[in-house]
C-alpha atoms as a PDB file:
ATOM      1  CA  GLY A   1     114.659 122.873  20.884  1.00  0.00           C
ATOM      2  CA  GLN A   2     112.365 119.957  20.225  1.00  0.00           C
ATOM      3  CA  THR A   3     110.668 118.590  17.176  1.00  0.00           C
ATOM      4  CA  LEU A   4     107.936 116.036  17.064  1.00  0.00           C
ATOM      5  CA  THR A   5     109.913 114.247  14.390  1.00  0.00           C
ATOM      6  CA  GLN A   6     113.040 113.949  16.506  1.00  0.00           C
ATOM      7  CA  LEU A   7     111.240 112.462  19.492  1.00  0.00           C
ATOM      8  CA  GLY A   8     108.519 110.597  17.633  1.00  0.00           C
ATOM      9  CA  TYR A   9     105.945 111.455  20.291  1.00  0.00           C
ATOM     10  CA  TYR A  10     102.199 111.869  20.035  1.00  0.00           C
ATOM     11  CA  GLY A  11     100.299 113.892  22.570  1.00  0.00           C
ATOM     12  CA  GLY A  12      97.653 111.248  23.210  1.00  0.00           C
ATOM     13  CA  THR A  13      94.048 111.083  22.077  1.00  0.00           C
ATOM     14  CA  ASP A  14      91.697 113.847  23.171  1.00  0.00           C
ATOM     15  CA  ALA A  15      89.081 113.263  20.487  1.00  0.00           C
ATOM     16  CA  PRO A  16      88.246 110.314  18.231  1.00  0.00           C
ATOM     17  CA  ASP A  17      88.649 110.552  14.480  1.00  0.00           C
ATOM     18  CA  ILE A  18      85.464 111.639  12.735  1.00  0.00           C
ATOM     19  CA  VAL A  19      84.928 109.624   9.545  1.00  0.00           C
ATOM     20  CA  GLY A  20      82.289 109.602   6.846  1.00  0.00           C
ATOM     21  CA  ASN A  21      81.675 107.556   3.723  1.00  0.00           C
ATOM     22  CA  PHE A  22      79.355 107.709   0.715  1.00  0.00           C
ATOM     23  CA  LYS A  23      79.213 104.576  -1.431  1.00  0.00           C
ATOM     24  CA  ILE A  24      77.362 103.260  -4.456  1.00  0.00           C
ATOM     25  CA  ASP A  25      77.817  99.478  -4.858  1.00  0.00           C
ATOM     26  CA  GLN A  26      76.085  97.865  -7.833  1.00  0.00           C
ATOM     27  CA  ALA A  27      76.617  95.008 -10.280  1.00  0.00           C
ATOM     28  CA  TRP A  28      78.761  97.157 -12.591  1.00  0.00           C
ATOM     29  CA  GLY A  29      81.099  98.295  -9.810  1.00  0.00           C
ATOM     30  CA  LEU A  30      81.597 100.582  -6.846  1.00  0.00           C
ATOM     31  CA  LEU A  31      82.003 104.339  -6.433  1.00  0.00           C
ATOM     32  CA  GLN A  32      83.061 105.714  -3.059  1.00  0.00           C
ATOM     33  CA  VAL A  33      83.962 109.088  -1.533  1.00  0.00           C
ATOM     34  CA  SER A  34      85.199 109.222   2.061  1.00  0.00           C
ATOM     35  CA  GLY A  35      86.742 111.640   4.512  1.00  0.00           C
ATOM     36  CA  ALA A  36      88.196 111.790   8.006  1.00  0.00           C
ATOM     37  CA  ALA A  37      88.998 114.517  10.534  1.00  0.00           C
ATOM     38  CA  HIS A  38      91.934 113.785  12.849  1.00  0.00           C
ATOM     39  CA  GLU A  39      93.024 115.845  15.861  1.00  0.00           C
ATOM     40  CA  VAL A  40      96.803 116.437  15.953  1.00  0.00           C
ATOM     41  CA  SER A  41      98.520 117.247  19.253  1.00  0.00           C
ATOM     42  CA  GLY A  42     102.064 117.324  20.666  1.00  0.00           C
ATOM     43  CA  VAL A  43     103.511 116.432  24.051  1.00  0.00           C
ATOM     44  CA  GLY A  44     105.028 119.810  24.938  1.00  0.00           C
ATOM     45  CA  PHE A  45     107.657 122.453  24.233  1.00  0.00           C
ATOM     46  CA  GLY A  46     111.217 122.382  25.523  1.00  0.00           C
ATOM     47  CA  SER A  47     113.550 119.520  26.405  1.00  0.00           C
ATOM     48  CA  THR A  48     112.652 115.876  27.037  1.00  0.00           C
ATOM     49  CA  SER A  49     112.415 116.518  30.809  1.00  0.00           C
ATOM     50  CA  SER A  50     108.842 116.005  31.967  1.00  0.00           C
ATOM     51  CA  ASN A  51     109.116 119.005  34.313  1.00  0.00           C
ATOM     52  CA  VAL A  52     110.211 121.319  31.494  1.00  0.00           C
ATOM     53  CA  LEU A  53     107.533 119.988  29.170  1.00  0.00           C
ATOM     54  CA  GLN A  54     104.864 120.610  31.765  1.00  0.00           C
ATOM     55  CA  ALA A  55     106.169 124.077  32.689  1.00  0.00           C
ATOM     56  CA  LEU A  56     106.366 125.360  29.105  1.00  0.00           C
ATOM     57  CA  GLY A  57     103.059 123.959  27.946  1.00  0.00           C
ATOM     58  CA  HIS A  58     102.381 122.380  24.584  1.00  0.00           C
ATOM     59  CA  PRO A  59     101.460 123.535  21.071  1.00  0.00           C
ATOM     60  CA  GLU A  60      97.815 124.219  20.390  1.00  0.00           C
ATOM     61  CA  SER A  61      96.148 121.200  18.812  1.00  0.00           C
ATOM     62  CA  LYS A  62      95.020 121.353  15.212  1.00  0.00           C
ATOM     63  CA  TRP A  63      92.590 119.308  13.174  1.00  0.00           C
ATOM     64  CA  GLY A  64      94.025 117.449  10.221  1.00  0.00           C
ATOM     65  CA  TYR A  65      91.978 115.703   7.590  1.00  0.00           C
ATOM     66  CA  ALA A  66      92.039 113.176   4.773  1.00  0.00           C
ATOM     67  CA  VAL A  67      89.782 112.809   1.730  1.00  0.00           C
ATOM     68  CA  ALA A  68      89.683 109.846  -0.632  1.00  0.00           C
ATOM     69  CA  GLY A  69      87.875 108.691  -3.755  1.00  0.00           C
ATOM     70  CA  ALA A  70      87.690 105.109  -5.016  1.00  0.00           C
ATOM     71  CA  LEU A  71      86.375 103.372  -8.139  1.00  0.00           C
ATOM     72  CA  GLN A  72      85.936  99.643  -8.777  1.00  0.00           C
ATOM     73  CA  LEU A  73      84.835  98.176 -12.118  1.00  0.00           C
ATOM     74  CA  LYS A  74      83.533  94.608 -11.946  1.00  0.00           C
ATOM     75  CA  ASN A  75      83.108  91.791 -14.512  1.00  0.00           C
ATOM     76  CA  LEU A  76      85.340  93.339 -17.130  1.00  0.00           C
ATOM     77  CA  PRO A  77      85.466  92.117 -20.748  1.00  0.00           C
ATOM     78  CA  THR A  78      88.758  90.357 -19.896  1.00  0.00           C
ATOM     79  CA  GLY A  79      86.834  87.617 -18.048  1.00  0.00           C
ATOM     80  CA  PRO A  80      84.138  86.749 -15.496  1.00  0.00           C
ATOM     81  CA  GLY A  81      84.948  88.051 -12.042  1.00  0.00           C
ATOM     82  CA  ASP A  82      87.782  90.305 -13.252  1.00  0.00           C
ATOM     83  CA  ASP A  83      87.914  93.711 -11.589  1.00  0.00           C
ATOM     84  CA  LEU A  84      89.862  96.972 -11.595  1.00  0.00           C
ATOM     85  CA  LYS A  85      90.278  99.155  -8.497  1.00  0.00           C
ATOM     86  CA  ILE A  86      91.633 102.731  -8.340  1.00  0.00           C
ATOM     87  CA  GLU A  87      91.866 104.980  -5.266  1.00  0.00           C
ATOM     88  CA  GLY A  88      93.276 108.449  -4.615  1.00  0.00           C
ATOM     89  CA  THR A  89      93.885 110.122  -1.230  1.00  0.00           C
ATOM     90  CA  TYR A  90      94.947 113.584  -0.054  1.00  0.00           C
ATOM     91  CA  THR A  91      95.745 114.452   3.545  1.00  0.00           C
ATOM     92  CA  GLU A  92      97.006 117.252   5.766  1.00  0.00           C
ATOM     93  CA  GLY A  93      97.920 116.052   9.254  1.00  0.00           C
ATOM     94  CA  ALA A  94      96.508 112.513   9.012  1.00  0.00           C
ATOM     95  CA  LEU A  95      99.172 110.358   7.374  1.00  0.00           C
ATOM     96  CA  LYS A  96      97.822 107.039   8.645  1.00  0.00           C
ATOM     97  CA  TYR A  97      95.073 107.323   6.020  1.00  0.00           C
ATOM     98  CA  ILE A  98      97.668 107.209   3.244  1.00  0.00           C
ATOM     99  CA  LEU A  99     100.628 105.430   4.884  1.00  0.00           C
ATOM    100  CA  GLY A 100      98.700 103.065   7.129  1.00  0.00           C
ATOM    101  CA  GLN A 101     100.840 100.886   9.396  1.00  0.00           C
ATOM    102  CA  SER A 102     100.083  98.250  12.007  1.00  0.00           C
ATOM    103  CA  GLY A 103     100.867 100.491  14.987  1.00  0.00           C
ATOM    104  CA  ALA A 104      98.624 103.071  16.610  1.00  0.00           C
ATOM    105  CA  ALA A 105     100.761 105.864  15.133  1.00  0.00           C
ATOM    106  CA  PRO A 106     102.796 105.879  11.892  1.00  0.00           C
ATOM    107  CA  ALA A 107     106.516 105.215  12.345  1.00  0.00           C
ATOM    108  CA  ASN A 108     109.514 106.660  10.520  1.00  0.00           C
ATOM    109  CA  PHE A 109     111.454 104.254   8.318  1.00  0.00           C
ATOM    110  CA  ALA A 110     115.002 103.940   7.012  1.00  0.00           C
ATOM    111  CA  VAL A 111     116.489 101.697   4.309  1.00  0.00           C
ATOM    112  CA  TYR A 112     120.214 101.006   4.071  1.00  0.00           C
ATOM    113  CA  GLY A 113     122.221  99.833   1.072  1.00  0.00           C
ATOM    114  CA  THR A 114     125.951  99.190   0.738  1.00  0.00           C
ATOM    115  CA  GLY A 115     127.247 102.457   2.136  1.00  0.00           C
ATOM    116  CA  THR A 116     123.998 104.218   1.194  1.00  0.00           C
ATOM    117  CA  TYR A 117     120.931 105.344   3.083  1.00  0.00           C
ATOM    118  CA  ALA A 118     117.394 106.619   2.529  1.00  0.00           C
ATOM    119  CA  THR A 119     114.918 107.725   5.158  1.00  0.00           C
ATOM    120  CA  GLY A 120     111.242 108.623   5.277  1.00  0.00           C
ATOM    121  CA  VAL A 121     109.816 110.745   8.086  1.00  0.00           C
ATOM    122  CA  VAL A 122     106.177 109.842   8.793  1.00  0.00           C
ATOM    123  CA  GLN A 123     104.646 112.449  11.115  1.00  0.00           C
ATOM    124  CA  ASP A 124     101.298 114.204  11.177  1.00  0.00           C
ATOM    125  CA  ALA A 125     102.993 117.448  12.227  1.00  0.00           C
ATOM    126  CA  VAL A 126     106.288 119.006  13.307  1.00  0.00           C
ATOM    127  CA  TYR A 127     106.763 121.676  15.995  1.00  0.00           C
ATOM    128  CA  ALA A 128     109.520 123.165  18.180  1.00  0.00           C
ATOM    129  CA  GLY A 129     110.178 125.324  21.219  1.00  0.00           C
ATOM    130  CA  THR A 130     112.974 126.181  23.656  1.00  0.00           C
ATOM    131  CA  SER A 131     113.188 127.192  27.274  1.00  0.00           C
ATOM    132  CA  SER A 132     113.931 130.779  26.214  1.00  0.00           C
ATOM    133  CA  GLY A 133     110.265 131.630  25.931  1.00  0.00           C
ATOM    134  CA  ALA A 134     107.117 131.658  23.876  1.00  0.00           C
ATOM    135  CA  ALA A 135     108.596 133.947  21.232  1.00  0.00           C
ATOM    136  CA  ASN A 136     110.627 130.982  19.976  1.00  0.00           C
ATOM    137  CA  PHE A 137     107.783 128.451  19.985  1.00  0.00           C
ATOM    138  CA  VAL A 138     106.813 127.063  16.577  1.00  0.00           C
ATOM    139  CA  PRO A 139     103.217 125.752  16.389  1.00  0.00           C
ATOM    140  CA  LEU A 140     102.205 122.514  14.727  1.00  0.00           C
ATOM    141  CA  GLN A 141     103.139 122.395  11.043  1.00  0.00           C
ATOM    142  CA  LEU A 142     100.745 119.895   9.453  1.00  0.00           C
ATOM    143  CA  THR A 143     102.258 117.491   6.924  1.00  0.00           C
ATOM    144  CA  LYS A 144     100.784 117.204   3.436  1.00  0.00           C
ATOM    145  CA  ALA A 145     100.699 113.965   1.451  1.00  0.00           C
ATOM    146  CA  TYR A 146      98.856 112.563  -1.529  1.00  0.00           C
ATOM    147  CA  GLY A 147      98.883 109.282  -3.368  1.00  0.00           C
ATOM    148  CA  MET A 148      97.157 106.781  -5.625  1.00  0.00           C
ATOM    149  CA  ARG A 149      96.669 103.022  -5.417  1.00  0.00           C
ATOM    150  CA  GLY A 150      95.283 100.572  -7.906  1.00  0.00           C
ATOM    151  CA  GLY A 151      95.019  96.922  -8.814  1.00  0.00           C
ATOM    152  CA  PHE A 152      93.726  94.586 -11.540  1.00  0.00           C
ATOM    153  CA  THR A 153      92.632  90.977 -10.965  1.00  0.00           C
ATOM    154  CA  HIS A 154      92.188  88.400 -13.729  1.00  0.00           C
ATOM    155  CA  ASN A 155      90.618  84.956 -13.259  1.00  0.00           C
ATOM    156  CA  TRP A 156      92.254  82.389 -15.543  1.00  0.00           C
ATOM    157  CA  ASN A 157      89.678  79.762 -14.602  1.00  0.00           C
ATOM    158  CA  ALA A 158      87.696  78.646 -11.550  1.00  0.00           C
ATOM    159  CA  TYR A 159      90.886  77.739  -9.663  1.00  0.00           C
ATOM    160  CA  TRP A 160      93.600  80.181 -10.759  1.00  0.00           C
ATOM    161  CA  SER A 161      93.753  83.993 -10.645  1.00  0.00           C
ATOM    162  CA  SER A 162      96.452  86.647 -10.880  1.00  0.00           C
ATOM    163  CA  GLY A 163      96.625  90.285  -9.923  1.00  0.00           C
ATOM    164  CA  VAL A 164      98.895  93.242 -10.448  1.00  0.00           C
ATOM    165  CA  PHE A 165      98.836  96.193  -8.043  1.00  0.00           C
ATOM    166  CA  GLY A 166     100.748  99.355  -7.308  1.00  0.00           C
ATOM    167  CA  SER A 167     100.835 102.609  -5.376  1.00  0.00           C
ATOM    168  CA  TYR A 168     102.507 106.019  -5.403  1.00  0.00           C
ATOM    169  CA  THR A 169     102.712 108.403  -2.432  1.00  0.00           C
ATOM    170  CA  HIS A 170     104.309 111.844  -2.090  1.00  0.00           C
ATOM    171  CA  VAL A 171     105.044 113.301   1.363  1.00  0.00           C
ATOM    172  CA  ASP A 172     105.628 117.066   1.562  1.00  0.00           C
ATOM    173  CA  TYR A 173     106.907 119.054   4.568  1.00  0.00           C
ATOM    174  CA  ASN A 174     106.636 122.832   4.407  1.00  0.00           C
ATOM    175  CA  ALA A 175     109.719 125.064   4.714  1.00  0.00           C
ATOM    176  CA  THR A 176     109.355 125.513   8.482  1.00  0.00           C
ATOM    177  CA  ALA A 177     108.884 121.803   9.160  1.00  0.00           C
ATOM    178  CA  SER A 178     111.781 120.910   6.847  1.00  0.00           C
ATOM    179  CA  SER A 179     114.111 123.262   8.712  1.00  0.00           C
ATOM    180  CA  LEU A 180     113.103 121.751  12.068  1.00  0.00           C
ATOM    181  CA  ILE A 181     113.565 118.190  10.849  1.00  0.00           C
ATOM    182  CA  CYS A 182     116.970 118.946   9.359  1.00  0.00           C
ATOM    183  CA  SER A 183     118.174 120.566  12.602  1.00  0.00           C
ATOM    184  CA  GLY A 184     116.628 117.970  14.898  1.00  0.00           C
ATOM    185  CA  TYR A 185     117.848 114.541  13.807  1.00  0.00           C
ATOM    186  CA  GLY A 186     119.326 114.079  17.285  1.00  0.00           C
ATOM    187  CA  THR A 187     121.739 111.210  17.962  1.00  0.00           C
ATOM    188  CA  THR A 188     120.903 109.264  14.804  1.00  0.00           C
ATOM    189  CA  ILE A 189     122.781 111.647  12.467  1.00  0.00           C
ATOM    190  CA  THR A 190     125.736 113.520  13.971  1.00  0.00           C
ATOM    191  CA  THR A 191     127.246 115.226  10.909  1.00  0.00           C
ATOM    192  CA  ARG A 192     126.119 115.608   7.322  1.00  0.00           C
ATOM    193  CA  THR A 193     126.984 117.264   4.006  1.00  0.00           C
ATOM    194  CA  GLY A 194     124.872 118.288   1.040  1.00  0.00           C
ATOM    195  CA  VAL A 195     121.255 119.415   0.962  1.00  0.00           C
ATOM    196  CA  CYS A 196     118.733 118.311   3.595  1.00  0.00           C
ATOM    197  CA  ASN A 197     115.195 117.849   2.250  1.00  0.00           C
ATOM    198  CA  PRO A 198     112.848 115.448   4.113  1.00  0.00           C
ATOM    199  CA  ASP A 199     110.311 115.222   1.253  1.00  0.00           C
ATOM    200  CA  TYR A 200     110.137 111.874  -0.519  1.00  0.00           C
ATOM    201  CA  ASN A 201     108.143 109.642  -2.864  1.00  0.00           C
ATOM    202  CA  LEU A 202     107.255 106.036  -2.123  1.00  0.00           C
ATOM    203  CA  SER A 203     106.342 103.728  -5.042  1.00  0.00           C
ATOM    204  CA  GLN A 204     105.334 100.061  -5.042  1.00  0.00           C
ATOM    205  CA  VAL A 205     104.477  97.523  -7.747  1.00  0.00           C
ATOM    206  CA  GLY A 206     103.483  93.936  -7.035  1.00  0.00           C
ATOM    207  CA  LEU A 207     102.235  90.737  -8.677  1.00  0.00           C
ATOM    208  CA  ILE A 208     100.277  87.916  -7.032  1.00  0.00           C
ATOM    209  CA  THR A 209      99.028  84.552  -8.292  1.00  0.00           C
ATOM    210  CA  ARG A 210      96.473  82.474  -6.374  1.00  0.00           C
ATOM    211  CA  TRP A 211      95.416  78.818  -6.596  1.00  0.00           C
ATOM    212  CA  THR A 212      92.139  77.825  -4.915  1.00  0.00           C
ATOM    213  CA  PRO A 213      91.762  74.032  -5.300  1.00  0.00           C
ATOM    214  CA  VAL A 214      88.682  73.930  -3.033  1.00  0.00           C
ATOM    215  CA  LYS A 215      86.422  76.613  -1.622  1.00  0.00           C
ATOM    216  CA  GLY A 216      88.003  78.359   1.370  1.00  0.00           C
ATOM    217  CA  LEU A 217      91.581  77.173   0.730  1.00  0.00           C
ATOM    218  CA  THR A 218      93.985  79.409  -1.210  1.00  0.00           C
ATOM    219  CA  PHE A 219      97.700  79.092  -1.976  1.00  0.00           C
ATOM    220  CA  SER A 220      99.344  82.279  -3.201  1.00  0.00           C
ATOM    221  CA  GLY A 221     102.723  83.649  -4.216  1.00  0.00           C
ATOM    222  CA  GLU A 222     103.442  87.380  -4.231  1.00  0.00           C
ATOM    223  CA  GLY A 223     106.383  89.496  -5.312  1.00  0.00           C
ATOM    224  CA  MET A 224     106.754  93.253  -4.772  1.00  0.00           C
ATOM    225  CA  TRP A 225     109.175  96.068  -5.648  1.00  0.00           C
ATOM    226  CA  THR A 226     109.362  99.150  -3.415  1.00  0.00           C
ATOM    227  CA  ASN A 227     111.256 102.338  -4.293  1.00  0.00           C
ATOM    228  CA  ILE A 228     112.090 105.203  -1.938  1.00  0.00           C
ATOM    229  CA  ASP A 229     112.773 108.359  -3.951  1.00  0.00           C
ATOM    230  CA  GLN A 230     114.305 110.619  -1.293  1.00  0.00           C
ATOM    231  CA  LYS A 231     115.396 114.226  -1.811  1.00  0.00           C
ATOM    232  CA  ASN A 232     118.462 114.447   0.442  1.00  0.00           C
ATOM    233  CA  THR A 233     121.940 114.774  -1.105  1.00  0.00           C
ATOM    234  CA  GLY A 234     125.455 114.333   0.232  1.00  0.00           C
ATOM    235  CA  THR A 235     126.534 112.122   3.126  1.00  0.00           C
ATOM    236  CA  ALA A 236     125.701 111.588   6.791  1.00  0.00           C
ATOM    237  CA  THR A 237     127.529 110.076   9.748  1.00  0.00           C
ATOM    238  CA  ILE A 238     124.902 107.794  11.245  1.00  0.00           C
ATOM    239  CA  THR A 239     124.522 105.798  14.438  1.00  0.00           C
ATOM    240  CA  PRO A 240     121.636 103.431  13.600  1.00  0.00           C
ATOM    241  CA  PRO A 241     119.096 103.401  16.457  1.00  0.00           C
ATOM    242  CA  GLY A 242     117.975 100.489  18.596  1.00  0.00           C
ATOM    243  CA  SER A 243     119.022  96.977  17.632  1.00  0.00           C
ATOM    244  CA  SER A 244     119.878  97.796  14.010  1.00  0.00           C
ATOM    245  CA  LEU A 245     122.427  95.428  12.478  1.00  0.00           C
ATOM    246  CA  LYS A 246     123.951  98.228  10.425  1.00  0.00           C
ATOM    247  CA  PRO A 247     127.232  99.631  11.807  1.00  0.00           C
ATOM    248  CA  ALA A 248     127.782 103.279  12.645  1.00  0.00           C
ATOM    249  CA  GLY A 249     129.591 105.141   9.901  1.00  0.00           C
ATOM    250  CA  THR A 250     129.307 107.544   6.978  1.00  0.00           C
ATOM    251  CA  TYR A 251     126.581 106.780   4.450  1.00  0.00           C
ATOM    252  CA  SER A 252     125.668 108.480   1.173  1.00  0.00           C
ATOM    253  CA  PHE A 253     122.059 109.543   0.668  1.00  0.00           C
ATOM    254  CA  LYS A 254     120.665 107.555  -2.266  1.00  0.00           C
ATOM    255  CA  ASP A 255     117.301 106.283  -3.487  1.00  0.00           C
ATOM    256  CA  GLN A 256     116.709 102.690  -2.400  1.00  0.00           C
ATOM    257  CA  ASP A 257     114.994  99.677  -3.984  1.00  0.00           C
ATOM    258  CA  VAL A 258     113.545  96.849  -1.910  1.00  0.00           C
ATOM    259  CA  TYR A 259     112.423  93.503  -3.340  1.00  0.00           C
ATOM    260  CA  SER A 260     110.236  91.168  -1.318  1.00  0.00           C
ATOM    261  CA  GLY A 261     108.274  87.960  -1.775  1.00  0.00           C
ATOM    262  CA  VAL A 262     105.624  86.083   0.198  1.00  0.00           C
ATOM    263  CA  LEU A 263     104.257  82.534  -0.006  1.00  0.00           C
ATOM    264  CA  ARG A 264     100.935  82.157   1.801  1.00  0.00           C
ATOM    265  CA  VAL A 265      98.430  79.432   2.651  1.00  0.00           C
ATOM    266  CA  GLN A 266      95.029  80.775   3.720  1.00  0.00           C
ATOM    267  CA  ARG A 267      92.144  78.704   5.065  1.00  0.00           C
ATOM    268  CA  ASP A 268      88.751  80.385   5.519  1.00  0.00           C
ATOM    269  CA  PHE A 269      86.032  78.748   7.598  1.00  0.00           C
END
C-alpha cells in the first residue's frame, strides 16, 4: 500500500488557494478574521512505480480549509508603543496556515536526543491503496490542527525594546490516518514496540531584546524554547534518512526540548 505520509508527495496544484480577510485597524488596535480554502490532492494509488500509479488512478481531491482570528491592542498602559497580539487558527487539510514553513509544502520533522527520538508528521491528508483493487483504496483523510500564537512588546525607551512570544499547536490524525501512518513508515523505522500514535503538540516560548541606535538600524538578540509533546511510546529501530548525522539504531520515543538563539543585525533603507 501507499500513504501520502510515507512518500511525502503532493499531487500538484490544480487550483489556487482561495483566501479572504476582514480587518478593522484603528488607533486602539486591530481585529481580524480570515479564512482560506485549499485543494488537497494525492499522486496516485499503488506502489511508487509511475506505471502503477497511472494505471490505478488517484484519490479524489478534497477541499481543506483554515480559519483564523487575530486581535492586537496598541499603546497599552505599560508604555507608549507597547502592544499585545493574540491569534488563533483551526484547519482541516491546510496545515501550512498553522505550521507555515519556507518550502512550498510542509515537511515532516524529527528531533533526536541521546538515544531518544520524537517525530512530527506534517501532511494535509493521508490515503492508501494497493494493486488488489478499488475495494482496498482509502480516500484522502484530511488532517485536523488548531493552535494559538501571541506576543507582547514593551518599549523601555526610544532605543530599547523587548518582547515575549509563544505558540501552541495540536495536530490530530483520525483513526484511519493514524493506522496508515503507523503501518507505512517505510525504510525509516524497521521495527518498533509500544503504542503508535502520530498526534502531537508543538509549543514554543521566546524572548527578544532590540537596540535601535539610529532609525533603520536594529541589533537584536533572541532566545527560544521549543517542545515536541509526542504521543508514541516504546522504542523504534531507525535508519535516519538522507544525510542525517545520527547513526542507525534503537531509539526510545520521548518528548524533546530544543533551545535556540539568534543574534541579528538588520538595516532598513
